[in-house]
Amino acid sequence: MHYDTTKLIRMAKQMADFFRNQPDRPAAQAVAAHINDNWAPVMRRDFVALIRSGAEADPIVREAADLVRLPATDVA
């Protein structure tokens, strides 16, 4: 991992808390869009790896992880 793992989960949870009550689109989609648009590829990769490895996370964060774009070199 390249980033403090607890920080990635914490940042995603803060986004989930913000978008949870926004009426314009589902929160998980909004969180994923923000991550895709603003996080470096290595951050996105590490975040998805954390979620896939079973890290404790908000349900919205877990759902958003499925929508995060991974760097092309990491796609299996």
PDB file of N, CA and C in Angstrom:
ATOM      1  N   MET A   1       0.830  -1.178   0.000  1.00  0.00           N
ATOM      2  CA  MET A   1       0.000   0.000   0.000  1.00  0.00           C
ATOM      3  C   MET A   1       0.882   1.251   0.000  1.00  0.00           C
ATOM      4  N   HIS A   2       0.442   2.268  -0.700  1.00  0.00           N
ATOM      5  CA  HIS A   2       1.214   3.487  -0.802  1.00  0.00           C
ATOM      6  C   HIS A   2       0.687   4.611   0.083  1.00  0.00           C
ATOM      7  N   TYR A   3      -0.524   4.497   0.553  1.00  0.00           N
ATOM      8  CA  TYR A   3      -1.147   5.521   1.377  1.00  0.00           C
ATOM      9  C   TYR A   3      -1.575   4.904   2.687  1.00  0.00           C
ATOM     10  N   ASP A   4      -1.709   5.755   3.710  1.00  0.00           N
ATOM     11  CA  ASP A   4      -2.224   5.312   4.995  1.00  0.00           C
ATOM     12  C   ASP A   4      -3.616   4.729   4.760  1.00  0.00           C
ATOM     13  N   THR A   5      -3.749   3.440   4.975  1.00  0.00           N
ATOM     14  CA  THR A   5      -5.002   2.760   4.648  1.00  0.00           C
ATOM     15  C   THR A   5      -6.186   3.313   5.428  1.00  0.00           C
ATOM     16  N   THR A   6      -5.990   3.649   6.675  1.00  0.00           N
ATOM     17  CA  THR A   6      -7.115   4.182   7.450  1.00  0.00           C
ATOM     18  C   THR A   6      -7.551   5.532   6.893  1.00  0.00           C
ATOM     19  N   LYS A   7      -6.610   6.286   6.334  1.00  0.00           N
ATOM     20  CA  LYS A   7      -6.972   7.592   5.776  1.00  0.00           C
ATOM     21  C   LYS A   7      -7.839   7.442   4.525  1.00  0.00           C
ATOM     22  N   LEU A   8      -7.536   6.482   3.668  1.00  0.00           N
ATOM     23  CA  LEU A   8      -8.347   6.272   2.469  1.00  0.00           C
ATOM     24  C   LEU A   8      -9.776   5.904   2.836  1.00  0.00           C
ATOM     25  N   ILE A   9      -9.932   4.985   3.771  1.00  0.00           N
ATOM     26  CA  ILE A   9     -11.271   4.575   4.197  1.00  0.00           C
ATOM     27  C   ILE A   9     -11.984   5.751   4.862  1.00  0.00           C
ATOM     28  N   ARG A  10     -11.270   6.494   5.699  1.00  0.00           N
ATOM     29  CA  ARG A  10     -11.869   7.634   6.396  1.00  0.00           C
ATOM     30  C   ARG A  10     -12.333   8.700   5.399  1.00  0.00           C
ATOM     31  N   MET A  11     -11.509   8.991   4.387  1.00  0.00           N
ATOM     32  CA  MET A  11     -11.906   9.983   3.384  1.00  0.00           C
ATOM     33  C   MET A  11     -13.140   9.519   2.605  1.00  0.00           C
ATOM     34  N   ALA A  12     -13.182   8.251   2.243  1.00  0.00           N
ATOM     35  CA  ALA A  12     -14.341   7.725   1.521  1.00  0.00           C
ATOM     36  C   ALA A  12     -15.590   7.777   2.402  1.00  0.00           C
ATOM     37  N   LYS A  13     -15.442   7.504   3.691  1.00  0.00           N
ATOM     38  CA  LYS A  13     -16.582   7.569   4.616  1.00  0.00           C
ATOM     39  C   LYS A  13     -17.095   8.996   4.736  1.00  0.00           C
ATOM     40  N   GLN A  14     -16.199   9.964   4.764  1.00  0.00           N
ATOM     41  CA  GLN A  14     -16.631  11.360   4.818  1.00  0.00           C
ATOM     42  C   GLN A  14     -17.441  11.727   3.583  1.00  0.00           C
ATOM     43  N   MET A  15     -17.017  11.226   2.429  1.00  0.00           N
ATOM     44  CA  MET A  15     -17.789  11.465   1.202  1.00  0.00           C
ATOM     45  C   MET A  15     -19.149  10.794   1.292  1.00  0.00           C
ATOM     46  N   ALA A  16     -19.175   9.562   1.778  1.00  0.00           N
ATOM     47  CA  ALA A  16     -20.439   8.837   1.915  1.00  0.00           C
ATOM     48  C   ALA A  16     -21.383   9.606   2.830  1.00  0.00           C
ATOM     49  N   ASP A  17     -20.865  10.124   3.938  1.00  0.00           N
ATOM     50  CA  ASP A  17     -21.703  10.900   4.857  1.00  0.00           C
ATOM     51  C   ASP A  17     -22.266  12.135   4.168  1.00  0.00           C
ATOM     52  N   PHE A  18     -21.465  12.789   3.351  1.00  0.00           N
ATOM     53  CA  PHE A  18     -21.924  13.975   2.639  1.00  0.00           C
ATOM     54  C   PHE A  18     -22.985  13.622   1.595  1.00  0.00           C
ATOM     55  N   PHE A  19     -22.697  12.629   0.762  1.00  0.00           N
ATOM     56  CA  PHE A  19     -23.588  12.305  -0.351  1.00  0.00           C
ATOM     57  C   PHE A  19     -24.816  11.490   0.057  1.00  0.00           C
ATOM     58  N   ARG A  20     -24.815  10.945   1.241  1.00  0.00           N
ATOM     59  CA  ARG A  20     -25.919  10.100   1.714  1.00  0.00           C
ATOM     60  C   ARG A  20     -27.277  10.804   1.581  1.00  0.00           C
ATOM     61  N   ASN A  21     -27.321  12.080   1.831  1.00  0.00           N
ATOM     62  CA  ASN A  21     -28.585  12.819   1.830  1.00  0.00           C
ATOM     63  C   ASN A  21     -28.759  13.746   0.640  1.00  0.00           C
ATOM     64  N   GLN A  22     -27.932  13.583  -0.369  1.00  0.00           N
ATOM     65  CA  GLN A  22     -28.054  14.399  -1.577  1.00  0.00           C
ATOM     66  C   GLN A  22     -29.055  13.727  -2.517  1.00  0.00           C
ATOM     67  N   PRO A  23     -30.038  14.466  -2.982  1.00  0.00           N
ATOM     68  CA  PRO A  23     -31.114  13.854  -3.777  1.00  0.00           C
ATOM     69  C   PRO A  23     -30.805  13.604  -5.251  1.00  0.00           C
ATOM     70  N   ASP A  24     -29.692  14.153  -5.783  1.00  0.00           N
ATOM     71  CA  ASP A  24     -29.497  14.113  -7.232  1.00  0.00           C
ATOM     72  C   ASP A  24     -29.039  12.775  -7.795  1.00  0.00           C
ATOM     73  N   ARG A  25     -28.397  11.930  -7.002  1.00  0.00           N
ATOM     74  CA  ARG A  25     -28.002  10.593  -7.480  1.00  0.00           C
ATOM     75  C   ARG A  25     -27.654   9.722  -6.276  1.00  0.00           C
ATOM     76  N   PRO A  26     -27.624   8.404  -6.495  1.00  0.00           N
ATOM     77  CA  PRO A  26     -27.281   7.503  -5.386  1.00  0.00           C
ATOM     78  C   PRO A  26     -25.909   7.843  -4.802  1.00  0.00           C
ATOM     79  N   ALA A  27     -25.795   7.745  -3.502  1.00  0.00           N
ATOM     80  CA  ALA A  27     -24.576   8.129  -2.799  1.00  0.00           C
ATOM     81  C   ALA A  27     -23.352   7.365  -3.290  1.00  0.00           C
ATOM     82  N   ALA A  28     -23.483   6.067  -3.519  1.00  0.00           N
ATOM     83  CA  ALA A  28     -22.331   5.273  -3.960  1.00  0.00           C
ATOM     84  C   ALA A  28     -21.811   5.767  -5.309  1.00  0.00           C
ATOM     85  N   GLN A  29     -22.713   6.125  -6.194  1.00  0.00           N
ATOM     86  CA  GLN A  29     -22.290   6.655  -7.496  1.00  0.00           C
ATOM     87  C   GLN A  29     -21.564   7.984  -7.332  1.00  0.00           C
ATOM     88  N   ALA A  30     -22.050   8.836  -6.446  1.00  0.00           N
ATOM     89  CA  ALA A  30     -21.420  10.134  -6.217  1.00  0.00           C
ATOM     90  C   ALA A  30     -20.040   9.974  -5.586  1.00  0.00           C
ATOM     91  N   VAL A  31     -19.922   9.069  -4.632  1.00  0.00           N
ATOM     92  CA  VAL A  31     -18.624   8.812  -3.996  1.00  0.00           C
ATOM     93  C   VAL A  31     -17.635   8.292  -5.039  1.00  0.00           C
ATOM     94  N   ALA A  32     -18.050   7.322  -5.822  1.00  0.00           N
ATOM     95  CA  ALA A  32     -17.161   6.761  -6.847  1.00  0.00           C
ATOM     96  C   ALA A  32     -16.757   7.815  -7.866  1.00  0.00           C
ATOM     97  N   ALA A  33     -17.690   8.663  -8.272  1.00  0.00           N
ATOM     98  CA  ALA A  33     -17.373   9.718  -9.241  1.00  0.00           C
ATOM     99  C   ALA A  33     -16.330  10.669  -8.667  1.00  0.00           C
ATOM    100  N   HIS A  34     -16.487  11.038  -7.410  1.00  0.00           N
ATOM    101  CA  HIS A  34     -15.519  11.932  -6.780  1.00  0.00           C
ATOM    102  C   HIS A  34     -14.142  11.267  -6.705  1.00  0.00           C
ATOM    103  N   ILE A  35     -14.113  10.008  -6.317  1.00  0.00           N
ATOM    104  CA  ILE A  35     -12.842   9.276  -6.241  1.00  0.00           C
ATOM    105  C   ILE A  35     -12.213   9.173  -7.627  1.00  0.00           C
ATOM    106  N   ASN A  36     -13.008   8.803  -8.618  1.00  0.00           N
ATOM    107  CA  ASN A  36     -12.488   8.667  -9.985  1.00  0.00           C
ATOM    108  C   ASN A  36     -11.928   9.986 -10.522  1.00  0.00           C
ATOM    109  N   ASP A  37     -12.583  11.092 -10.185  1.00  0.00           N
ATOM    110  CA  ASP A  37     -12.181  12.402 -10.711  1.00  0.00           C
ATOM    111  C   ASP A  37     -11.024  13.042  -9.947  1.00  0.00           C
ATOM    112  N   ASN A  38     -10.849  12.669  -8.672  1.00  0.00           N
ATOM    113  CA  ASN A  38      -9.922  13.422  -7.829  1.00  0.00           C
ATOM    114  C   ASN A  38      -8.786  12.626  -7.192  1.00  0.00           C
ATOM    115  N   TRP A  39      -8.898  11.332  -7.133  1.00  0.00           N
ATOM    116  CA  TRP A  39      -7.854  10.542  -6.483  1.00  0.00           C
ATOM    117  C   TRP A  39      -6.859  10.048  -7.524  1.00  0.00           C
ATOM    118  N   ALA A  40      -5.609  10.024  -7.151  1.00  0.00           N
ATOM    119  CA  ALA A  40      -4.557   9.495  -8.014  1.00  0.00           C
ATOM    120  C   ALA A  40      -4.801   8.002  -8.266  1.00  0.00           C
ATOM    121  N   PRO A  41      -4.338   7.498  -9.396  1.00  0.00           N
ATOM    122  CA  PRO A  41      -4.536   6.079  -9.695  1.00  0.00           C
ATOM    123  C   PRO A  41      -4.067   5.147  -8.578  1.00  0.00           C
ATOM    124  N   VAL A  42      -2.933   5.447  -7.970  1.00  0.00           N
ATOM    125  CA  VAL A  42      -2.436   4.570  -6.904  1.00  0.00           C
ATOM    126  C   VAL A  42      -3.379   4.593  -5.698  1.00  0.00           C
ATOM    127  N   MET A  43      -3.971   5.741  -5.425  1.00  0.00           N
ATOM    128  CA  MET A  43      -4.935   5.823  -4.318  1.00  0.00           C
ATOM    129  C   MET A  43      -6.173   4.984  -4.617  1.00  0.00           C
ATOM    130  N   ARG A  44      -6.666   5.079  -5.861  1.00  0.00           N
ATOM    131  CA  ARG A  44      -7.846   4.281  -6.250  1.00  0.00           C
ATOM    132  C   ARG A  44      -7.536   2.798  -6.146  1.00  0.00           C
ATOM    133  N   ARG A  45      -6.363   2.401  -6.627  1.00  0.00           N
ATOM    134  CA  ARG A  45      -5.975   0.993  -6.574  1.00  0.00           C
ATOM    135  C   ARG A  45      -5.895   0.506  -5.129  1.00  0.00           C
ATOM    136  N   ASP A  46      -5.240   1.273  -4.285  1.00  0.00           N
ATOM    137  CA  ASP A  46      -5.086   0.871  -2.884  1.00  0.00           C
ATOM    138  C   ASP A  46      -6.430   0.828  -2.167  1.00  0.00           C
ATOM    139  N   PHE A  47      -7.291   1.792  -2.447  1.00  0.00           N
ATOM    140  CA  PHE A  47      -8.625   1.829  -1.840  1.00  0.00           C
ATOM    141  C   PHE A  47      -9.424   0.582  -2.214  1.00  0.00           C
ATOM    142  N   VAL A  48      -9.473   0.258  -3.489  1.00  0.00           N
ATOM    143  CA  VAL A  48     -10.227  -0.925  -3.937  1.00  0.00           C
ATOM    144  C   VAL A  48      -9.625  -2.188  -3.335  1.00  0.00           C
ATOM    145  N   ALA A  49      -8.308  -2.266  -3.282  1.00  0.00           N
ATOM    146  CA  ALA A  49      -7.650  -3.434  -2.679  1.00  0.00           C
ATOM    147  C   ALA A  49      -8.044  -3.575  -1.211  1.00  0.00           C
ATOM    148  N   LEU A  50      -8.111  -2.466  -0.504  1.00  0.00           N
ATOM    149  CA  LEU A  50      -8.526  -2.503   0.905  1.00  0.00           C
ATOM    150  C   LEU A  50      -9.928  -3.074   1.053  1.00  0.00           C
ATOM    151  N   ILE A  51     -10.841  -2.560   0.262  1.00  0.00           N
ATOM    152  CA  ILE A  51     -12.233  -3.013   0.347  1.00  0.00           C
ATOM    153  C   ILE A  51     -12.324  -4.492  -0.022  1.00  0.00           C
ATOM    154  N   ARG A  52     -11.653  -4.884  -1.083  1.00  0.00           N
ATOM    155  CA  ARG A  52     -11.695  -6.288  -1.516  1.00  0.00           C
ATOM    156  C   ARG A  52     -11.057  -7.227  -0.500  1.00  0.00           C
ATOM    157  N   SER A  53     -10.129  -6.711   0.310  1.00  0.00           N
ATOM    158  CA  SER A  53      -9.480  -7.555   1.319  1.00  0.00           C
ATOM    159  C   SER A  53     -10.307  -7.642   2.604  1.00  0.00           C
ATOM    160  N   GLY A  54     -11.453  -6.964   2.624  1.00  0.00           N
ATOM    161  CA  GLY A  54     -12.347  -7.079   3.772  1.00  0.00           C
ATOM    162  C   GLY A  54     -12.246  -5.977   4.796  1.00  0.00           C
ATOM    163  N   ALA A  55     -11.636  -4.857   4.448  1.00  0.00           N
ATOM    164  CA  ALA A  55     -11.543  -3.738   5.388  1.00  0.00           C
ATOM    165  C   ALA A  55     -12.934  -3.302   5.830  1.00  0.00           C
ATOM    166  N   GLU A  56     -13.038  -2.936   7.071  1.00  0.00           N
ATOM    167  CA  GLU A  56     -14.317  -2.470   7.607  1.00  0.00           C
ATOM    168  C   GLU A  56     -14.648  -1.126   6.962  1.00  0.00           C
ATOM    169  N   ALA A  57     -15.862  -1.024   6.405  1.00  0.00           N
ATOM    170  CA  ALA A  57     -16.254   0.207   5.726  1.00  0.00           C
ATOM    171  C   ALA A  57     -17.766   0.329   5.681  1.00  0.00           C
ATOM    172  N   ASP A  58     -18.209   1.552   5.577  1.00  0.00           N
ATOM    173  CA  ASP A  58     -19.620   1.892   5.405  1.00  0.00           C
ATOM    174  C   ASP A  58     -20.162   1.171   4.161  1.00  0.00           C
ATOM    175  N   PRO A  59     -21.425   0.740   4.174  1.00  0.00           N
ATOM    176  CA  PRO A  59     -21.991   0.066   2.997  1.00  0.00           C
ATOM    177  C   PRO A  59     -21.922   0.914   1.721  1.00  0.00           C
ATOM    178  N   ILE A  60     -22.084   2.213   1.840  1.00  0.00           N
ATOM    179  CA  ILE A  60     -21.980   3.077   0.658  1.00  0.00           C
ATOM    180  C   ILE A  60     -20.559   3.048   0.111  1.00  0.00           C
ATOM    181  N   VAL A  61     -19.582   3.054   0.987  1.00  0.00           N
ATOM    182  CA  VAL A  61     -18.181   2.996   0.581  1.00  0.00           C
ATOM    183  C   VAL A  61     -17.897   1.675  -0.124  1.00  0.00           C
ATOM    184  N   ARG A  62     -18.426   0.587   0.407  1.00  0.00           N
ATOM    185  CA  ARG A  62     -18.237  -0.732  -0.224  1.00  0.00           C
ATOM    186  C   ARG A  62     -18.840  -0.753  -1.630  1.00  0.00           C
ATOM    187  N   GLU A  63     -20.039  -0.213  -1.757  1.00  0.00           N
ATOM    188  CA  GLU A  63     -20.700  -0.181  -3.069  1.00  0.00           C
ATOM    189  C   GLU A  63     -19.933   0.723  -4.034  1.00  0.00           C
ATOM    190  N   ALA A  64     -19.455   1.842  -3.535  1.00  0.00           N
ATOM    191  CA  ALA A  64     -18.694   2.774  -4.386  1.00  0.00           C
ATOM    192  C   ALA A  64     -17.427   2.120  -4.915  1.00  0.00           C
ATOM    193  N   ALA A  65     -16.790   1.290  -4.104  1.00  0.00           N
ATOM    194  CA  ALA A  65     -15.543   0.642  -4.534  1.00  0.00           C
ATOM    195  C   ALA A  65     -15.737  -0.170  -5.809  1.00  0.00           C
ATOM    196  N   ASP A  66     -16.925  -0.728  -5.986  1.00  0.00           N
ATOM    197  CA  ASP A  66     -17.204  -1.499  -7.204  1.00  0.00           C
ATOM    198  C   ASP A  66     -17.284  -0.607  -8.446  1.00  0.00           C
ATOM    199  N   LEU A  67     -17.457   0.701  -8.244  1.00  0.00           N
ATOM    200  CA  LEU A  67     -17.611   1.638  -9.356  1.00  0.00           C
ATOM    201  C   LEU A  67     -16.347   2.451  -9.629  1.00  0.00           C
ATOM    202  N   VAL A  68     -15.325   2.238  -8.825  1.00  0.00           N
ATOM    203  CA  VAL A  68     -14.075   2.983  -8.988  1.00  0.00           C
ATOM    204  C   VAL A  68     -13.283   2.405 -10.155  1.00  0.00           C
ATOM    205  N   ARG A  69     -12.796   3.313 -11.010  1.00  0.00           N
ATOM    206  CA  ARG A  69     -11.975   2.899 -12.160  1.00  0.00           C
ATOM    207  C   ARG A  69     -10.555   2.630 -11.680  1.00  0.00           C
ATOM    208  N   LEU A  70     -10.046   1.469 -12.042  1.00  0.00           N
ATOM    209  CA  LEU A  70      -8.669   1.120 -11.690  1.00  0.00           C
ATOM    210  C   LEU A  70      -7.739   1.499 -12.843  1.00  0.00           C
ATOM    211  N   PRO A  71      -6.482   1.775 -12.518  1.00  0.00           N
ATOM    212  CA  PRO A  71      -5.514   2.058 -13.589  1.00  0.00           C
ATOM    213  C   PRO A  71      -5.442   0.877 -14.563  1.00  0.00           C
ATOM    214  N   ALA A  72      -5.257   1.168 -15.833  1.00  0.00           N
ATOM    215  CA  ALA A  72      -5.261   0.142 -16.876  1.00  0.00           C
ATOM    216  C   ALA A  72      -4.262  -0.979 -16.603  1.00  0.00           C
ATOM    217  N   THR A  73      -3.147  -0.681 -15.995  1.00  0.00           N
ATOM    218  CA  THR A  73      -2.132  -1.692 -15.749  1.00  0.00           C
ATOM    219  C   THR A  73      -2.552  -2.664 -14.659  1.00  0.00           C
ATOM    220  N   ASP A  74      -3.562  -2.302 -13.861  1.00  0.00           N
ATOM    221  CA  ASP A  74      -3.999  -3.155 -12.768  1.00  0.00           C
ATOM    222  C   ASP A  74      -5.224  -3.998 -13.097  1.00  0.00           C
ATOM    223  N   VAL A  75      -5.790  -3.795 -14.277  1.00  0.00           N
ATOM    224  CA  VAL A  75      -6.977  -4.542 -14.643  1.00  0.00           C
ATOM    225  C   VAL A  75      -6.580  -5.955 -14.996  1.00  0.00           C
ATOM    226  N   ALA A  76      -7.239  -6.906 -14.365  1.00  0.00           N
ATOM    227  CA  ALA A  76      -6.905  -8.315 -14.608  1.00  0.00           C
ATOM    228  C   ALA A  76      -7.702  -8.874 -15.764  1.00  0.00           C
TER     229      ALA A  76
END
